[in-house]
């Protein structure tokens, strides 16, 4: 007779992750609507602190989605690292590149274009 596998409910974990992702999304939307001047008008690393904050919050959301909903927590350590860190570095690189290039285009075309 086969061994009976014990299945545990992950309902509490799913609700916890849902709460974390919802909180991060609410913070992002609130900051996008409110746009505080001390975050929006302060330049840091070529862009506003608000843009950097959005990038960091998006990376945190991507990590949670990958870790829990793509079941990376149950995989072997090396596979987890390969998938998660590749995604994190790729998203960080692409986000940084978009912020730098967008700032450059705004600086060059801004005086020539009515936005």
PDB file of N, CA and C in Angstrom:
ATOM      1  N   UNK A   1       0.843  -1.168   0.000  1.00  0.00           N
ATOM      2  CA  UNK A   1       0.000   0.000   0.000  1.00  0.00           C
ATOM      3  C   UNK A   1       0.895   1.240   0.000  1.00  0.00           C
ATOM      4  N   UNK A   2       0.572   2.201  -0.808  1.00  0.00           N
ATOM      5  CA  UNK A   2       1.368   3.421  -0.916  1.00  0.00           C
ATOM      6  C   UNK A   2       1.205   4.270   0.343  1.00  0.00           C
ATOM      7  N   UNK A   3       2.261   4.972   0.617  1.00  0.00           N
ATOM      8  CA  UNK A   3       2.212   5.854   1.789  1.00  0.00           C
ATOM      9  C   UNK A   3       1.285   7.035   1.495  1.00  0.00           C
ATOM     10  N   UNK A   4       0.483   7.333   2.465  1.00  0.00           N
ATOM     11  CA  UNK A   4      -0.416   8.481   2.319  1.00  0.00           C
ATOM     12  C   UNK A   4       0.389   9.762   2.528  1.00  0.00           C
ATOM     13  N   UNK A   5       0.328  10.632   1.560  1.00  0.00           N
ATOM     14  CA  UNK A   5       1.043  11.898   1.675  1.00  0.00           C
ATOM     15  C   UNK A   5       0.174  12.891   2.432  1.00  0.00           C
ATOM     16  N   UNK A   6       0.827  13.585   3.315  1.00  0.00           N
ATOM     17  CA  UNK A   6       0.108  14.581   4.096  1.00  0.00           C
ATOM     18  C   UNK A   6       0.157  15.913   3.360  1.00  0.00           C
ATOM     19  N   UNK A   7      -0.989  16.434   3.055  1.00  0.00           N
ATOM     20  CA  UNK A   7      -1.071  17.716   2.371  1.00  0.00           C
ATOM     21  C   UNK A   7      -1.432  18.789   3.386  1.00  0.00           C
ATOM     22  N   UNK A   8      -0.637  19.834   3.380  1.00  0.00           N
ATOM     23  CA  UNK A   8      -0.919  20.939   4.288  1.00  0.00           C
ATOM     24  C   UNK A   8      -1.559  22.076   3.498  1.00  0.00           C
ATOM     25  N   UNK A   9      -2.417  22.771   4.162  1.00  0.00           N
ATOM     26  CA  UNK A   9      -3.092  23.888   3.528  1.00  0.00           C
ATOM     27  C   UNK A   9      -2.197  25.126   3.569  1.00  0.00           C
ATOM     28  N   UNK A  10      -2.099  25.777   2.454  1.00  0.00           N
ATOM     29  CA  UNK A  10      -1.299  26.999   2.369  1.00  0.00           C
ATOM     30  C   UNK A  10      -2.185  28.241   2.313  1.00  0.00           C
ATOM     31  N   UNK A  11      -3.388  28.107   2.785  1.00  0.00           N
ATOM     32  CA  UNK A  11      -4.337  29.214   2.712  1.00  0.00           C
ATOM     33  C   UNK A  11      -3.831  30.431   3.480  1.00  0.00           C
ATOM     34  N   UNK A  12      -3.296  30.227   4.656  1.00  0.00           N
ATOM     35  CA  UNK A  12      -2.795  31.357   5.454  1.00  0.00           C
ATOM     36  C   UNK A  12      -1.617  32.033   4.755  1.00  0.00           C
ATOM     37  N   UNK A  13      -0.738  31.246   4.164  1.00  0.00           N
ATOM     38  CA  UNK A  13       0.401  31.807   3.448  1.00  0.00           C
ATOM     39  C   UNK A  13      -0.046  32.595   2.225  1.00  0.00           C
ATOM     40  N   UNK A  14      -1.020  32.076   1.507  1.00  0.00           N
ATOM     41  CA  UNK A  14      -1.541  32.773   0.329  1.00  0.00           C
ATOM     42  C   UNK A  14      -2.159  34.108   0.729  1.00  0.00           C
ATOM     43  N   UNK A  15      -2.913  34.129   1.806  1.00  0.00           N
ATOM     44  CA  UNK A  15      -3.509  35.388   2.263  1.00  0.00           C
ATOM     45  C   UNK A  15      -2.440  36.370   2.745  1.00  0.00           C
ATOM     46  N   UNK A  16      -1.389  35.855   3.384  1.00  0.00           N
ATOM     47  CA  UNK A  16      -0.299  36.724   3.837  1.00  0.00           C
ATOM     48  C   UNK A  16       0.394  37.377   2.648  1.00  0.00           C
ATOM     49  N   UNK A  17       0.719  36.572   1.639  1.00  0.00           N
ATOM     50  CA  UNK A  17       1.367  37.110   0.436  1.00  0.00           C
ATOM     51  C   UNK A  17       0.431  38.071  -0.283  1.00  0.00           C
ATOM     52  N   UNK A  18      -0.863  37.729  -0.350  1.00  0.00           N
ATOM     53  CA  UNK A  18      -1.853  38.621  -0.950  1.00  0.00           C
ATOM     54  C   UNK A  18      -1.876  39.963  -0.209  1.00  0.00           C
ATOM     55  N   UNK A  19      -1.822  39.916   1.108  1.00  0.00           N
ATOM     56  CA  UNK A  19      -1.814  41.150   1.897  1.00  0.00           C
ATOM     57  C   UNK A  19      -0.574  41.982   1.642  1.00  0.00           C
ATOM     58  N   UNK A  20       0.586  41.335   1.565  1.00  0.00           N
ATOM     59  CA  UNK A  20       1.833  42.057   1.309  1.00  0.00           C
ATOM     60  C   UNK A  20       1.799  42.698  -0.076  1.00  0.00           C
ATOM     61  N   UNK A  21       1.391  41.921  -1.088  1.00  0.00           N
ATOM     62  CA  UNK A  21       1.332  42.455  -2.447  1.00  0.00           C
ATOM     63  C   UNK A  21       0.287  43.573  -2.559  1.00  0.00           C
ATOM     64  N   UNK A  22      -0.830  43.426  -1.873  1.00  0.00           N
ATOM     65  CA  UNK A  22      -1.851  44.478  -1.888  1.00  0.00           C
ATOM     66  C   UNK A  22      -1.340  45.750  -1.223  1.00  0.00           C
ATOM     67  N   UNK A  23      -0.651  45.597  -0.099  1.00  0.00           N
ATOM     68  CA  UNK A  23      -0.103  46.764   0.599  1.00  0.00           C
ATOM     69  C   UNK A  23       0.901  47.501  -0.286  1.00  0.00           C
ATOM     70  N   UNK A  24       1.800  46.765  -0.926  1.00  0.00           N
ATOM     71  CA  UNK A  24       2.793  47.393  -1.798  1.00  0.00           C
ATOM     72  C   UNK A  24       2.097  48.111  -2.953  1.00  0.00           C
ATOM     73  N   UNK A  25       1.074  47.480  -3.531  1.00  0.00           N
ATOM     74  CA  UNK A  25       0.347  48.101  -4.635  1.00  0.00           C
ATOM     75  C   UNK A  25      -0.380  49.359  -4.179  1.00  0.00           C
ATOM     76  N   UNK A  26      -0.982  49.323  -3.005  1.00  0.00           N
ATOM     77  CA  UNK A  26      -1.669  50.501  -2.478  1.00  0.00           C
ATOM     78  C   UNK A  26      -0.681  51.638  -2.243  1.00  0.00           C
ATOM     79  N   UNK A  27       0.505  51.312  -1.720  1.00  0.00           N
ATOM     80  CA  UNK A  27       1.542  52.334  -1.510  1.00  0.00           C
ATOM     81  C   UNK A  27       1.972  52.927  -2.849  1.00  0.00           C
ATOM     82  N   UNK A  28       2.165  52.081  -3.859  1.00  0.00           N
ATOM     83  CA  UNK A  28       2.555  52.573  -5.188  1.00  0.00           C
ATOM     84  C   UNK A  28       1.497  53.499  -5.779  1.00  0.00           C
ATOM     85  N   UNK A  29       0.248  53.090  -5.702  1.00  0.00           N
ATOM     86  CA  UNK A  29      -0.838  53.913  -6.254  1.00  0.00           C
ATOM     87  C   UNK A  29      -0.953  55.226  -5.484  1.00  0.00           C
ATOM     88  N   UNK A  30      -0.866  55.169  -4.160  1.00  0.00           N
ATOM     89  CA  UNK A  30      -0.956  56.386  -3.354  1.00  0.00           C
ATOM     90  C   UNK A  30       0.184  57.348  -3.676  1.00  0.00           C
ATOM     91  N   UNK A  31       1.402  56.817  -3.816  1.00  0.00           N
ATOM     92  CA  UNK A  31       2.533  57.680  -4.162  1.00  0.00           C
ATOM     93  C   UNK A  31       2.400  58.228  -5.582  1.00  0.00           C
ATOM     94  N   UNK A  32       1.827  57.436  -6.491  1.00  0.00           N
ATOM     95  CA  UNK A  32       1.615  57.907  -7.848  1.00  0.00           C
ATOM     96  C   UNK A  32       0.583  59.014  -7.928  1.00  0.00           C
ATOM     97  N   UNK A  33      -0.424  58.965  -7.076  1.00  0.00           N
ATOM     98  CA  UNK A  33      -1.450  60.010  -7.055  1.00  0.00           C
ATOM     99  C   UNK A  33      -0.957  61.237  -6.288  1.00  0.00           C
ATOM    100  N   UNK A  34      -0.352  60.992  -5.152  1.00  0.00           N
ATOM    101  CA  UNK A  34       0.050  62.084  -4.266  1.00  0.00           C
ATOM    102  C   UNK A  34       1.287  62.806  -4.782  1.00  0.00           C
ATOM    103  N   UNK A  35       2.294  62.098  -5.245  1.00  0.00           N
ATOM    104  CA  UNK A  35       3.574  62.626  -5.744  1.00  0.00           C
ATOM    105  C   UNK A  35       4.149  63.696  -4.813  1.00  0.00           C
ATOM    106  N   UNK A  36       4.619  63.291  -3.638  1.00  0.00           N
ATOM    107  CA  UNK A  36       5.182  64.293  -2.720  1.00  0.00           C
ATOM    108  C   UNK A  36       6.399  64.975  -3.344  1.00  0.00           C
ATOM    109  N   UNK A  37       6.481  66.285  -3.167  1.00  0.00           N
ATOM    110  CA  UNK A  37       7.552  67.069  -3.793  1.00  0.00           C
ATOM    111  C   UNK A  37       8.942  66.626  -3.360  1.00  0.00           C
ATOM    112  N   UNK A  38       9.094  66.247  -2.090  1.00  0.00           N
ATOM    113  CA  UNK A  38      10.420  65.859  -1.614  1.00  0.00           C
ATOM    114  C   UNK A  38      10.894  64.556  -2.260  1.00  0.00           C
ATOM    115  N   UNK A  39       9.993  63.752  -2.790  1.00  0.00           N
ATOM    116  CA  UNK A  39      10.388  62.545  -3.521  1.00  0.00           C
ATOM    117  C   UNK A  39      10.401  62.778  -5.029  1.00  0.00           C
ATOM    118  N   UNK A  40       9.472  63.575  -5.510  1.00  0.00           N
ATOM    119  CA  UNK A  40       9.308  63.767  -6.952  1.00  0.00           C
ATOM    120  C   UNK A  40      10.329  64.747  -7.532  1.00  0.00           C
ATOM    121  N   UNK A  41      10.672  65.782  -6.802  1.00  0.00           N
ATOM    122  CA  UNK A  41      11.546  66.830  -7.329  1.00  0.00           C
ATOM    123  C   UNK A  41      13.004  66.695  -6.913  1.00  0.00           C
ATOM    124  N   UNK A  42      13.340  65.697  -6.117  1.00  0.00           N
ATOM    125  CA  UNK A  42      14.714  65.481  -5.686  1.00  0.00           C
ATOM    126  C   UNK A  42      15.387  64.483  -6.620  1.00  0.00           C
ATOM    127  N   UNK A  43      16.495  64.889  -7.224  1.00  0.00           N
ATOM    128  CA  UNK A  43      17.218  63.996  -8.123  1.00  0.00           C
ATOM    129  C   UNK A  43      18.254  63.186  -7.362  1.00  0.00           C
ATOM    130  N   UNK A  44      18.308  61.897  -7.694  1.00  0.00           N
ATOM    131  CA  UNK A  44      19.280  60.988  -7.108  1.00  0.00           C
ATOM    132  C   UNK A  44      19.613  59.935  -8.165  1.00  0.00           C
ATOM    133  N   UNK A  45      20.879  59.777  -8.483  1.00  0.00           N
ATOM    134  CA  UNK A  45      21.333  58.834  -9.508  1.00  0.00           C
ATOM    135  C   UNK A  45      20.668  59.101 -10.859  1.00  0.00           C
ATOM    136  N   UNK A  46      20.461  60.355 -11.201  1.00  0.00           N
ATOM    137  CA  UNK A  46      19.935  60.726 -12.499  1.00  0.00           C
ATOM    138  C   UNK A  46      18.433  60.720 -12.627  1.00  0.00           C
ATOM    139  N   UNK A  47      17.719  60.415 -11.576  1.00  0.00           N
ATOM    140  CA  UNK A  47      16.260  60.408 -11.637  1.00  0.00           C
ATOM    141  C   UNK A  47      15.704  60.807 -10.270  1.00  0.00           C
ATOM    142  N   UNK A  48      14.408  60.880 -10.169  1.00  0.00           N
ATOM    143  CA  UNK A  48      13.815  61.273  -8.894  1.00  0.00           C
ATOM    144  C   UNK A  48      13.809  60.083  -7.924  1.00  0.00           C
ATOM    145  N   UNK A  49      13.770  60.401  -6.669  1.00  0.00           N
ATOM    146  CA  UNK A  49      13.714  59.372  -5.637  1.00  0.00           C
ATOM    147  C   UNK A  49      12.417  58.579  -5.763  1.00  0.00           C
ATOM    148  N   UNK A  50      11.357  59.228  -6.230  1.00  0.00           N
ATOM    149  CA  UNK A  50      10.076  58.553  -6.422  1.00  0.00           C
ATOM    150  C   UNK A  50      10.198  57.438  -7.461  1.00  0.00           C
ATOM    151  N   UNK A  51      10.896  57.697  -8.557  1.00  0.00           N
ATOM    152  CA  UNK A  51      11.092  56.648  -9.566  1.00  0.00           C
ATOM    153  C   UNK A  51      11.899  55.475  -9.014  1.00  0.00           C
ATOM    154  N   UNK A  52      12.920  55.775  -8.242  1.00  0.00           N
ATOM    155  CA  UNK A  52      13.725  54.707  -7.635  1.00  0.00           C
ATOM    156  C   UNK A  52      12.885  53.906  -6.653  1.00  0.00           C
ATOM    157  N   UNK A  53      12.027  54.591  -5.905  1.00  0.00           N
ATOM    158  CA  UNK A  53      11.145  53.911  -4.962  1.00  0.00           C
ATOM    159  C   UNK A  53      10.162  52.992  -5.695  1.00  0.00           C
ATOM    160  N   UNK A  54       9.609  53.465  -6.816  1.00  0.00           N
ATOM    161  CA  UNK A  54       8.736  52.612  -7.625  1.00  0.00           C
ATOM    162  C   UNK A  54       9.483  51.381  -8.131  1.00  0.00           C
ATOM    163  N   UNK A  55      10.717  51.559  -8.568  1.00  0.00           N
ATOM    164  CA  UNK A  55      11.512  50.441  -9.066  1.00  0.00           C
ATOM    165  C   UNK A  55      11.766  49.408  -7.969  1.00  0.00           C
ATOM    166  N   UNK A  56      12.107  49.870  -6.781  1.00  0.00           N
ATOM    167  CA  UNK A  56      12.369  48.960  -5.663  1.00  0.00           C
ATOM    168  C   UNK A  56      11.088  48.219  -5.260  1.00  0.00           C
ATOM    169  N   UNK A  57       9.981  48.924  -5.170  1.00  0.00           N
ATOM    170  CA  UNK A  57       8.718  48.280  -4.805  1.00  0.00           C
ATOM    171  C   UNK A  57       8.296  47.255  -5.867  1.00  0.00           C
ATOM    172  N   UNK A  58       8.534  47.553  -7.128  1.00  0.00           N
ATOM    173  CA  UNK A  58       8.221  46.607  -8.189  1.00  0.00           C
ATOM    174  C   UNK A  58       9.097  45.370  -8.105  1.00  0.00           C
ATOM    175  N   UNK A  59      10.364  45.545  -7.758  1.00  0.00           N
ATOM    176  CA  UNK A  59      11.249  44.392  -7.580  1.00  0.00           C
ATOM    177  C   UNK A  59      10.803  43.516  -6.414  1.00  0.00           C
ATOM    178  N   UNK A  60      10.345  44.139  -5.343  1.00  0.00           N
ATOM    179  CA  UNK A  60       9.853  43.367  -4.195  1.00  0.00           C
ATOM    180  C   UNK A  60       8.613  42.571  -4.599  1.00  0.00           C
ATOM    181  N   UNK A  61       7.707  43.202  -5.356  1.00  0.00           N
ATOM    182  CA  UNK A  61       6.521  42.484  -5.814  1.00  0.00           C
ATOM    183  C   UNK A  61       6.903  41.334  -6.747  1.00  0.00           C
ATOM    184  N   UNK A  62       7.844  41.559  -7.642  1.00  0.00           N
ATOM    185  CA  UNK A  62       8.276  40.496  -8.560  1.00  0.00           C
ATOM    186  C   UNK A  62       8.894  39.340  -7.787  1.00  0.00           C
ATOM    187  N   UNK A  63       9.650  39.646  -6.740  1.00  0.00           N
ATOM    188  CA  UNK A  63      10.253  38.604  -5.914  1.00  0.00           C
ATOM    189  C   UNK A  63       9.174  37.755  -5.235  1.00  0.00           C
ATOM    190  N   UNK A  64       8.198  38.397  -4.627  1.00  0.00           N
ATOM    191  CA  UNK A  64       7.143  37.651  -3.943  1.00  0.00           C
ATOM    192  C   UNK A  64       6.333  36.798  -4.911  1.00  0.00           C
ATOM    193  N   UNK A  65       6.020  37.341  -6.077  1.00  0.00           N
ATOM    194  CA  UNK A  65       5.260  36.577  -7.061  1.00  0.00           C
ATOM    195  C   UNK A  65       6.062  35.364  -7.513  1.00  0.00           C
ATOM    196  N   UNK A  66       7.343  35.562  -7.804  1.00  0.00           N
ATOM    197  CA  UNK A  66       8.190  34.444  -8.240  1.00  0.00           C
ATOM    198  C   UNK A  66       8.361  33.427  -7.132  1.00  0.00           C
ATOM    199  N   UNK A  67       8.615  33.900  -5.932  1.00  0.00           N
ATOM    200  CA  UNK A  67       8.936  32.994  -4.830  1.00  0.00           C
ATOM    201  C   UNK A  67       7.754  32.128  -4.422  1.00  0.00           C
ATOM    202  N   UNK A  68       6.576  32.714  -4.305  1.00  0.00           N
ATOM    203  CA  UNK A  68       5.441  31.973  -3.778  1.00  0.00           C
ATOM    204  C   UNK A  68       4.508  31.420  -4.851  1.00  0.00           C
ATOM    205  N   UNK A  69       4.191  32.222  -5.861  1.00  0.00           N
ATOM    206  CA  UNK A  69       3.205  31.767  -6.839  1.00  0.00           C
ATOM    207  C   UNK A  69       3.824  30.923  -7.948  1.00  0.00           C
ATOM    208  N   UNK A  70       5.132  31.013  -8.133  1.00  0.00           N
ATOM    209  CA  UNK A  70       5.804  30.122  -9.074  1.00  0.00           C
ATOM    210  C   UNK A  70       6.478  28.971  -8.325  1.00  0.00           C
ATOM    211  N   UNK A  71       6.197  28.856  -7.039  1.00  0.00           N
ATOM    212  CA  UNK A  71       6.619  27.746  -6.183  1.00  0.00           C
ATOM    213  C   UNK A  71       8.139  27.581  -6.127  1.00  0.00           C
ATOM    214  N   UNK A  72       8.866  28.686  -6.121  1.00  0.00           N
ATOM    215  CA  UNK A  72      10.324  28.611  -6.017  1.00  0.00           C
ATOM    216  C   UNK A  72      10.770  28.225  -4.609  1.00  0.00           C
ATOM    217  N   UNK A  73       9.933  28.417  -3.624  1.00  0.00           N
ATOM    218  CA  UNK A  73      10.298  28.071  -2.253  1.00  0.00           C
ATOM    219  C   UNK A  73      10.488  26.567  -2.089  1.00  0.00           C
ATOM    220  N   UNK A  74       9.838  25.770  -2.939  1.00  0.00           N
ATOM    221  CA  UNK A  74       9.920  24.318  -2.838  1.00  0.00           C
ATOM    222  C   UNK A  74      11.001  23.698  -3.725  1.00  0.00           C
ATOM    223  N   UNK A  75      11.687  24.504  -4.504  1.00  0.00           N
ATOM    224  CA  UNK A  75      12.701  23.983  -5.425  1.00  0.00           C
ATOM    225  C   UNK A  75      14.054  23.905  -4.738  1.00  0.00           C
ATOM    226  N   UNK A  76      15.011  23.290  -5.453  1.00  0.00           N
ATOM    227  CA  UNK A  76      16.372  23.199  -4.924  1.00  0.00           C
ATOM    228  C   UNK A  76      17.013  24.580  -4.896  1.00  0.00           C
ATOM    229  N   UNK A  77      17.979  24.713  -4.006  1.00  0.00           N
ATOM    230  CA  UNK A  77      18.599  25.997  -3.736  1.00  0.00           C
ATOM    231  C   UNK A  77      19.216  26.631  -4.990  1.00  0.00           C
ATOM    232  N   UNK A  78      19.937  25.862  -5.782  1.00  0.00           N
ATOM    233  CA  UNK A  78      20.608  26.415  -6.954  1.00  0.00           C
ATOM    234  C   UNK A  78      19.618  26.851  -8.027  1.00  0.00           C
ATOM    235  N   UNK A  79      18.547  26.107  -8.218  1.00  0.00           N
ATOM    236  CA  UNK A  79      17.535  26.507  -9.189  1.00  0.00           C
ATOM    237  C   UNK A  79      16.837  27.781  -8.738  1.00  0.00           C
ATOM    238  N   UNK A  80      16.537  27.867  -7.450  1.00  0.00           N
ATOM    239  CA  UNK A  80      15.907  29.083  -6.924  1.00  0.00           C
ATOM    240  C   UNK A  80      16.781  30.297  -7.191  1.00  0.00           C
ATOM    241  N   UNK A  81      18.046  30.165  -6.861  1.00  0.00           N
ATOM    242  CA  UNK A  81      18.952  31.295  -7.060  1.00  0.00           C
ATOM    243  C   UNK A  81      19.074  31.662  -8.530  1.00  0.00           C
ATOM    244  N   UNK A  82      19.174  30.679  -9.389  1.00  0.00           N
ATOM    245  CA  UNK A  82      19.312  30.950 -10.824  1.00  0.00           C
ATOM    246  C   UNK A  82      18.108  31.703 -11.364  1.00  0.00           C
ATOM    247  N   UNK A  83      16.926  31.287 -10.978  1.00  0.00           N
ATOM    248  CA  UNK A  83      15.713  31.925 -11.497  1.00  0.00           C
ATOM    249  C   UNK A  83      15.479  33.279 -10.847  1.00  0.00           C
ATOM    250  N   UNK A  84      15.510  33.323  -9.530  1.00  0.00           N
ATOM    251  CA  UNK A  84      15.164  34.559  -8.823  1.00  0.00           C
ATOM    252  C   UNK A  84      16.191  35.649  -9.063  1.00  0.00           C
ATOM    253  N   UNK A  85      17.467  35.349  -8.900  1.00  0.00           N
ATOM    254  CA  UNK A  85      18.483  36.391  -9.051  1.00  0.00           C
ATOM    255  C   UNK A  85      18.617  36.862 -10.487  1.00  0.00           C
ATOM    256  N   UNK A  86      18.439  35.959 -11.445  1.00  0.00           N
ATOM    257  CA  UNK A  86      18.457  36.389 -12.838  1.00  0.00           C
ATOM    258  C   UNK A  86      17.327  37.366 -13.108  1.00  0.00           C
ATOM    259  N   UNK A  87      16.143  37.042 -12.635  1.00  0.00           N
ATOM    260  CA  UNK A  87      14.995  37.933 -12.836  1.00  0.00           C
ATOM    261  C   UNK A  87      15.200  39.267 -12.117  1.00  0.00           C
ATOM    262  N   UNK A  88      15.690  39.229 -10.892  1.00  0.00           N
ATOM    263  CA  UNK A  88      15.887  40.469 -10.126  1.00  0.00           C
ATOM    264  C   UNK A  88      16.908  41.367 -10.810  1.00  0.00           C
ATOM    265  N   UNK A  89      18.050  40.812 -11.218  1.00  0.00           N
ATOM    266  CA  UNK A  89      19.072  41.630 -11.865  1.00  0.00           C
ATOM    267  C   UNK A  89      18.624  42.130 -13.233  1.00  0.00           C
ATOM    268  N   UNK A  90      17.892  41.305 -13.980  1.00  0.00           N
ATOM    269  CA  UNK A  90      17.400  41.735 -15.287  1.00  0.00           C
ATOM    270  C   UNK A  90      16.394  42.859 -15.145  1.00  0.00           C
ATOM    271  N   UNK A  91      15.464  42.738 -14.214  1.00  0.00           N
ATOM    272  CA  UNK A  91      14.470  43.785 -13.997  1.00  0.00           C
ATOM    273  C   UNK A  91      15.146  45.067 -13.500  1.00  0.00           C
ATOM    274  N   UNK A  92      16.102  44.939 -12.578  1.00  0.00           N
ATOM    275  CA  UNK A  92      16.809  46.111 -12.076  1.00  0.00           C
ATOM    276  C   UNK A  92      17.595  46.797 -13.193  1.00  0.00           C
ATOM    277  N   UNK A  93      18.248  45.999 -14.031  1.00  0.00           N
ATOM    278  CA  UNK A  93      19.013  46.559 -15.140  1.00  0.00           C
ATOM    279  C   UNK A  93      18.106  47.273 -16.133  1.00  0.00           C
ATOM    280  N   UNK A  94      17.029  46.623 -16.545  1.00  0.00           N
ATOM    281  CA  UNK A  94      16.124  47.227 -17.518  1.00  0.00           C
ATOM    282  C   UNK A  94      15.441  48.468 -16.950  1.00  0.00           C
ATOM    283  N   UNK A  95      15.056  48.420 -15.691  1.00  0.00           N
ATOM    284  CA  UNK A  95      14.446  49.592 -15.066  1.00  0.00           C
ATOM    285  C   UNK A  95      15.406  50.761 -14.984  1.00  0.00           C
ATOM    286  N   UNK A  96      16.640  50.488 -14.590  1.00  0.00           N
ATOM    287  CA  UNK A  96      17.655  51.538 -14.519  1.00  0.00           C
ATOM    288  C   UNK A  96      17.935  52.110 -15.900  1.00  0.00           C
ATOM    289  N   UNK A  97      18.043  51.246 -16.895  1.00  0.00           N
ATOM    290  CA  UNK A  97      18.280  51.690 -18.258  1.00  0.00           C
ATOM    291  C   UNK A  97      17.144  52.578 -18.760  1.00  0.00           C
ATOM    292  N   UNK A  98      15.910  52.190 -18.476  1.00  0.00           N
ATOM    293  CA  UNK A  98      14.771  53.010 -18.904  1.00  0.00           C
ATOM    294  C   UNK A  98      14.767  54.366 -18.202  1.00  0.00           C
ATOM    295  N   UNK A  99      15.112  54.392 -16.914  1.00  0.00           N
ATOM    296  CA  UNK A  99      15.136  55.662 -16.198  1.00  0.00           C
ATOM    297  C   UNK A  99      16.223  56.584 -16.734  1.00  0.00           C
ATOM    298  N   UNK A 100      17.407  56.028 -17.009  1.00  0.00           N
ATOM    299  CA  UNK A 100      18.511  56.844 -17.519  1.00  0.00           C
ATOM    300  C   UNK A 100      18.191  57.361 -18.918  1.00  0.00           C
ATOM    301  N   UNK A 101      17.741  56.474 -19.800  1.00  0.00           N
ATOM    302  CA  UNK A 101      17.435  56.882 -21.169  1.00  0.00           C
ATOM    303  C   UNK A 101      16.241  57.825 -21.217  1.00  0.00           C
ATOM    304  N   UNK A 102      15.232  57.571 -20.396  1.00  0.00           N
ATOM    305  CA  UNK A 102      14.079  58.467 -20.358  1.00  0.00           C
ATOM    306  C   UNK A 102      14.461  59.854 -19.885  1.00  0.00           C
ATOM    307  N   UNK A 103      15.347  59.920 -18.890  1.00  0.00           N
ATOM    308  CA  UNK A 103      15.817  61.210 -18.407  1.00  0.00           C
ATOM    309  C   UNK A 103      16.621  61.931 -19.487  1.00  0.00           C
ATOM    310  N   UNK A 104      17.454  61.187 -20.215  1.00  0.00           N
ATOM    311  CA  UNK A 104      18.247  61.783 -21.296  1.00  0.00           C
ATOM    312  C   UNK A 104      17.344  62.335 -22.397  1.00  0.00           C
ATOM    313  N   UNK A 105      16.356  61.542 -22.805  1.00  0.00           N
ATOM    314  CA  UNK A 105      15.444  61.996 -23.863  1.00  0.00           C
ATOM    315  C   UNK A 105      14.664  63.221 -23.403  1.00  0.00           C
ATOM    316  N   UNK A 106      14.253  63.230 -22.145  1.00  0.00           N
ATOM    317  CA  UNK A 106      13.546  64.396 -21.610  1.00  0.00           C
ATOM    318  C   UNK A 106      14.452  65.623 -21.606  1.00  0.00           C
ATOM    319  N   UNK A 107      15.718  65.455 -21.227  1.00  0.00           N
ATOM    320  CA  UNK A 107      16.641  66.582 -21.207  1.00  0.00           C
ATOM    321  C   UNK A 107      16.934  67.113 -22.603  1.00  0.00           C
ATOM    322  N   UNK A 108      17.045  66.205 -23.576  1.00  0.00           N
ATOM    323  CA  UNK A 108      17.379  66.630 -24.943  1.00  0.00           C
ATOM    324  C   UNK A 108      16.159  67.180 -25.664  1.00  0.00           C
ATOM    325  N   UNK A 109      15.044  66.486 -25.590  1.00  0.00           N
ATOM    326  CA  UNK A 109      13.854  66.899 -26.341  1.00  0.00           C
ATOM    327  C   UNK A 109      12.924  67.817 -25.563  1.00  0.00           C
ATOM    328  N   UNK A 110      13.129  67.932 -24.264  1.00  0.00           N
ATOM    329  CA  UNK A 110      12.258  68.757 -23.449  1.00  0.00           C
ATOM    330  C   UNK A 110      12.134  70.192 -23.923  1.00  0.00           C
ATOM    331  N   UNK A 111      13.267  70.873 -24.202  1.00  0.00           N
ATOM    332  CA  UNK A 111      13.152  72.249 -24.681  1.00  0.00           C
ATOM    333  C   UNK A 111      12.511  72.372 -26.064  1.00  0.00           C
ATOM    334  N   UNK A 112      12.552  71.319 -26.843  1.00  0.00           N
ATOM    335  CA  UNK A 112      12.026  71.364 -28.218  1.00  0.00           C
ATOM    336  C   UNK A 112      10.577  70.943 -28.343  1.00  0.00           C
ATOM    337  N   UNK A 113      10.029  70.312 -27.293  1.00  0.00           N
ATOM    338  CA  UNK A 113       8.694  69.718 -27.380  1.00  0.00           C
ATOM    339  C   UNK A 113       7.812  70.268 -26.271  1.00  0.00           C
ATOM    340  N   UNK A 114       6.550  70.504 -26.633  1.00  0.00           N
ATOM    341  CA  UNK A 114       5.578  70.874 -25.598  1.00  0.00           C
ATOM    342  C   UNK A 114       4.965  69.571 -25.093  1.00  0.00           C
ATOM    343  N   UNK A 115       5.254  69.182 -23.887  1.00  0.00           N
ATOM    344  CA  UNK A 115       4.750  67.936 -23.331  1.00  0.00           C
ATOM    345  C   UNK A 115       3.365  68.205 -22.896  1.00  0.00           C
TER     346      UNK A 115
END
